[in-house]
């Protein structure tokens, strides 16, 4: 993922807060054992467990042999995205039709090593942790190796623990453009109000408050 300096997370806490405020649903990308074939990409919920990401998938899923053969996988979460039309980004004084369109989005990507979990008790631990994360209000049966409806379903799933090797975070909201430009685009996003426009506008305003005018920021070696 290309990350320009103005798109980078200001600190790890920024992407951690963003992830905590959004549903943990992403795509898991796994290299194909046949390099001539496309990688496998799996949409999935996941949860954060310390330095690991945890999830479970159906045992018949074709991904398992590729996971077992691979070294690194990537799990990507993207949100607060919006298409920005060309005529919203025309240079000051220039014709609207000469503007260049772009996409706004937030994306956090985790590069991980993978551990496949088949031990029933360890799978139960993953399920309990995921329930606590995505369904904290309860309303589900006991998760147990021996009792209840989930006990007989355990054989049909496999768990996955992903140990994070590195994290890449990007917040692409025109932070290198003038303040007036960003304020104008945020207002237009709210006015259009389709899809995730309001979320994208909120992220742009949040970054604007934190960064201000990118061009006036001190360069490396300077102090503010």
Protein backbone atom coordinates (compact mmCIF):
# COMPACT_ATOMS: atom_id res chain seq x y z
CA UNK A 1 0.00 0.00 0.00
CA UNK A 2 1.47 3.32 -1.08
CA UNK A 3 1.52 5.74 1.87
CA UNK A 4 2.59 9.31 1.24
CA UNK A 5 3.89 11.24 4.26
CA UNK A 6 0.67 13.26 4.44
CA UNK A 7 -1.46 10.09 4.40
CA UNK A 8 0.38 8.30 7.20
CA UNK A 9 -1.04 7.78 10.67
CA UNK A 10 0.18 10.50 12.98
CA UNK A 11 0.86 7.90 15.66
CA UNK A 12 -0.17 4.28 16.33
CA UNK A 13 -2.95 5.47 18.63
CA UNK A 14 -4.67 7.06 15.63
CA UNK A 15 -5.25 3.83 13.73
CA UNK A 16 -5.91 1.95 16.98
CA UNK A 17 -8.74 4.37 17.83
CA UNK A 18 -10.10 4.17 14.30
CA UNK A 19 -10.13 0.37 14.40
CA UNK A 20 -11.79 0.33 17.82
CA UNK A 21 -14.56 2.59 16.54
CA UNK A 22 -15.32 0.41 13.49
CA UNK A 23 -16.56 -3.12 13.15
CA UNK A 24 -13.66 -5.51 12.83
CA UNK A 25 -14.45 -6.82 9.36
CA UNK A 26 -11.78 -7.09 6.72
CA UNK A 27 -10.29 -9.24 4.01
CA UNK A 28 -7.63 -11.84 4.65
CA UNK A 29 -5.21 -12.21 1.72
CA UNK A 30 -3.25 -15.46 1.47
CA UNK A 31 -0.66 -16.37 -1.14
CA UNK A 32 -1.65 -19.18 -3.47
CA UNK A 33 0.61 -22.23 -3.39
CA UNK A 34 0.53 -22.02 -7.19
CA UNK A 35 2.25 -18.73 -8.06
CA UNK A 36 0.47 -18.71 -11.41
CA UNK A 37 -2.90 -18.50 -9.65
CA UNK A 38 -4.46 -15.52 -7.92
CA UNK A 39 -4.10 -15.17 -4.14
CA UNK A 40 -7.02 -16.16 -1.96
CA UNK A 41 -9.00 -13.25 -0.48
CA UNK A 42 -11.45 -14.01 2.32
CA UNK A 43 -13.96 -11.49 3.79
CA UNK A 44 -14.13 -12.13 7.53
CA UNK A 45 -14.82 -10.74 10.98
CA UNK A 46 -11.88 -10.84 13.36
CA UNK A 47 -11.05 -9.73 16.88
CA UNK A 48 -7.96 -8.28 18.50
CA UNK A 49 -6.42 -10.37 21.27
CA UNK A 50 -3.33 -8.63 22.58
CA UNK A 51 -0.70 -8.75 19.85
CA UNK A 52 -2.72 -11.22 17.82
CA UNK A 53 -5.77 -11.17 15.58
CA UNK A 54 -8.14 -14.09 16.02
CA UNK A 55 -10.86 -15.53 13.82
CA UNK A 56 -12.39 -18.78 12.70
CA UNK A 57 -13.33 -20.18 9.32
CA UNK A 58 -15.24 -23.19 8.08
CA UNK A 59 -13.22 -26.39 7.82
CA UNK A 60 -14.20 -26.91 4.13
CA UNK A 61 -12.69 -23.53 3.25
CA UNK A 62 -10.06 -24.08 0.52
CA UNK A 63 -7.64 -21.66 2.18
CA UNK A 64 -6.13 -24.04 4.74
CA UNK A 65 -3.45 -25.72 2.64
CA UNK A 66 -2.34 -22.31 1.36
CA UNK A 67 -2.13 -20.98 4.91
CA UNK A 68 -0.11 -23.99 6.01
CA UNK A 69 2.35 -23.53 3.14
CA UNK A 70 2.77 -19.77 3.48
CA UNK A 71 4.85 -17.53 5.71
CA UNK A 72 3.05 -14.18 5.83
CA UNK A 73 -0.57 -13.19 5.28
CA UNK A 74 -2.21 -9.79 5.16
CA UNK A 75 -5.48 -8.70 6.76
CA UNK A 76 -6.86 -5.38 5.51
CA UNK A 77 -9.65 -3.25 6.94
CA UNK A 78 -10.95 -0.28 4.93
CA UNK A 79 -13.68 2.22 5.72
CA UNK A 80 -14.85 5.84 5.64
CA UNK A 81 -14.31 5.86 1.90
CA UNK A 82 -15.80 8.14 -0.75
CA UNK A 83 -15.29 9.01 -4.39
CA UNK A 84 -14.28 12.64 -4.87
CA UNK A 85 -15.36 13.93 -8.32
CA UNK A 86 -12.94 15.74 -10.58
CA UNK A 87 -14.88 19.02 -10.41
CA UNK A 88 -14.52 19.10 -6.60
CA UNK A 89 -10.73 19.17 -6.93
CA UNK A 90 -10.11 21.82 -9.58
CA UNK A 91 -7.21 24.14 -8.82
CA UNK A 92 -8.18 27.61 -7.64
CA UNK A 93 -9.03 29.77 -10.63
CA UNK A 94 -9.02 26.85 -13.05
CA UNK A 95 -11.97 25.28 -14.85
CA UNK A 96 -13.87 22.62 -12.88
CA UNK A 97 -13.49 20.04 -15.63
CA UNK A 98 -9.69 20.15 -15.29
CA UNK A 99 -9.79 18.76 -11.78
CA UNK A 100 -8.40 15.30 -10.99
CA UNK A 101 -10.70 12.85 -9.16
CA UNK A 102 -9.54 10.76 -6.24
CA UNK A 103 -10.72 8.37 -3.55
CA UNK A 104 -10.77 9.10 0.16
CA UNK A 105 -10.43 6.21 2.60
CA UNK A 106 -9.00 4.93 5.85
CA UNK A 107 -7.18 1.62 5.72
CA UNK A 108 -5.33 -0.44 8.30
CA UNK A 109 -3.42 -3.48 7.07
CA UNK A 110 -1.78 -6.10 9.24
CA UNK A 111 1.03 -8.30 7.95
CA UNK A 112 1.02 -11.45 10.07
CA UNK A 113 2.23 -14.96 10.55
CA UNK A 114 -0.56 -17.51 10.89
CA UNK A 115 -1.17 -20.33 13.36
CA UNK A 116 -3.97 -22.78 12.56
CA UNK A 117 -5.88 -23.85 15.66
CA UNK A 118 -7.50 -27.30 15.82
CA UNK A 119 -7.45 -28.01 19.55
CA UNK A 120 -11.13 -27.88 20.67
CA UNK A 121 -10.37 -25.94 23.87
CA UNK A 122 -8.33 -23.38 21.99
CA UNK A 123 -11.12 -23.01 19.44
CA UNK A 124 -13.54 -22.40 22.29
CA UNK A 125 -11.24 -19.67 23.61
CA UNK A 126 -11.35 -17.97 20.22
CA UNK A 127 -15.14 -18.20 20.00
CA UNK A 128 -15.61 -16.83 23.53
CA UNK A 129 -13.28 -13.90 22.78
CA UNK A 130 -15.06 -13.16 19.51
CA UNK A 131 -18.48 -13.26 21.14
CA UNK A 132 -17.26 -10.83 23.80
CA UNK A 133 -16.02 -8.51 21.05
CA UNK A 134 -18.80 -8.55 18.44
CA UNK A 135 -21.76 -9.60 20.59
CA UNK A 136 -21.00 -8.19 24.06
CA UNK A 137 -24.68 -8.04 24.95
CA UNK A 138 -24.74 -11.84 25.16
CA UNK A 139 -27.83 -13.66 23.97
CA UNK A 140 -25.93 -16.74 22.87
CA UNK A 141 -25.64 -20.24 24.27
CA UNK A 142 -22.72 -21.33 26.40
CA UNK A 143 -19.60 -22.02 24.38
CA UNK A 144 -18.17 -25.29 25.61
CA UNK A 145 -16.17 -28.24 24.37
CA UNK A 146 -18.63 -30.72 25.83
CA UNK A 147 -22.04 -29.08 26.22
CA UNK A 148 -24.50 -26.96 24.30
CA UNK A 149 -25.07 -26.44 20.57
CA UNK A 150 -21.59 -25.16 19.84
CA UNK A 151 -19.86 -28.28 21.14
CA UNK A 152 -21.09 -30.37 18.24
CA UNK A 153 -20.22 -27.61 15.75
CA UNK A 154 -16.58 -27.28 16.76
CA UNK A 155 -15.46 -30.00 14.39
CA UNK A 156 -16.79 -27.93 11.48
CA UNK A 157 -14.49 -24.95 12.06
CA UNK A 158 -10.81 -24.23 12.47
CA UNK A 159 -9.39 -21.32 14.40
CA UNK A 160 -6.75 -18.91 13.25
CA UNK A 161 -4.34 -16.83 15.31
CA UNK A 162 -2.46 -14.15 13.41
CA UNK A 163 0.63 -12.71 15.06
CA UNK A 164 1.16 -9.18 13.79
CA UNK A 165 4.58 -8.60 12.24
CA UNK A 166 3.93 -5.03 11.13
CA UNK A 167 1.03 -2.64 10.65
CA UNK A 168 0.44 -0.22 7.78
CA UNK A 169 -2.12 2.56 8.25
CA UNK A 170 -3.27 5.14 5.73
CA UNK A 171 -5.72 8.04 6.02
CA UNK A 172 -6.14 9.49 2.52
CA UNK A 173 -8.03 12.77 2.81
CA UNK A 174 -6.10 15.35 0.77
CA UNK A 175 -4.09 16.46 3.82
CA UNK A 176 -1.41 17.95 1.54
CA UNK A 177 -3.93 20.31 -0.07
CA UNK A 178 -4.83 23.77 1.30
CA UNK A 179 -7.10 24.05 4.32
CA UNK A 180 -9.78 25.81 2.28
CA UNK A 181 -9.84 22.97 -0.24
CA UNK A 182 -10.34 20.34 2.46
CA UNK A 183 -13.06 22.32 4.19
CA UNK A 184 -14.89 22.74 0.89
CA UNK A 185 -14.71 19.03 0.08
CA UNK A 186 -15.91 18.05 3.57
CA UNK A 187 -18.94 20.30 3.15
CA UNK A 188 -19.69 18.79 -0.24
CA UNK A 189 -19.43 15.27 1.17
CA UNK A 190 -21.96 16.10 3.87
CA UNK A 191 -24.23 17.74 1.30
CA UNK A 192 -24.05 14.71 -1.01
CA UNK A 193 -24.59 12.35 1.90
CA UNK A 194 -24.47 9.02 0.13
CA UNK A 195 -22.79 5.81 1.26
CA UNK A 196 -19.97 6.60 3.68
CA UNK A 197 -19.75 10.30 2.77
CA UNK A 198 -20.43 11.52 6.30
CA UNK A 199 -17.76 9.21 7.71
CA UNK A 200 -15.23 10.40 5.13
CA UNK A 201 -16.06 14.04 5.90
CA UNK A 202 -15.64 13.36 9.61
CA UNK A 203 -12.23 11.79 9.08
CA UNK A 204 -11.11 14.67 6.87
CA UNK A 205 -12.15 17.23 9.50
CA UNK A 206 -10.47 15.20 12.25
CA UNK A 207 -7.22 15.11 10.31
CA UNK A 208 -7.53 18.79 9.47
CA UNK A 209 -7.84 19.64 13.16
CA UNK A 210 -4.80 17.51 13.96
CA UNK A 211 -2.58 18.57 11.04
CA UNK A 212 -3.70 22.01 9.93
CA UNK A 213 -1.79 23.28 6.90
CA UNK A 214 0.55 20.48 5.84
CA UNK A 215 2.78 22.90 3.94
CA UNK A 216 3.54 24.86 7.11
CA UNK A 217 4.52 21.80 9.14
CA UNK A 218 8.18 21.57 10.20
CA UNK A 219 10.36 19.25 8.14
CA UNK A 220 12.60 16.57 9.66
CA UNK A 221 15.18 18.12 11.91
CA UNK A 222 13.13 21.25 12.56
CA UNK A 223 11.16 22.00 15.68
CA UNK A 224 7.79 23.62 15.86
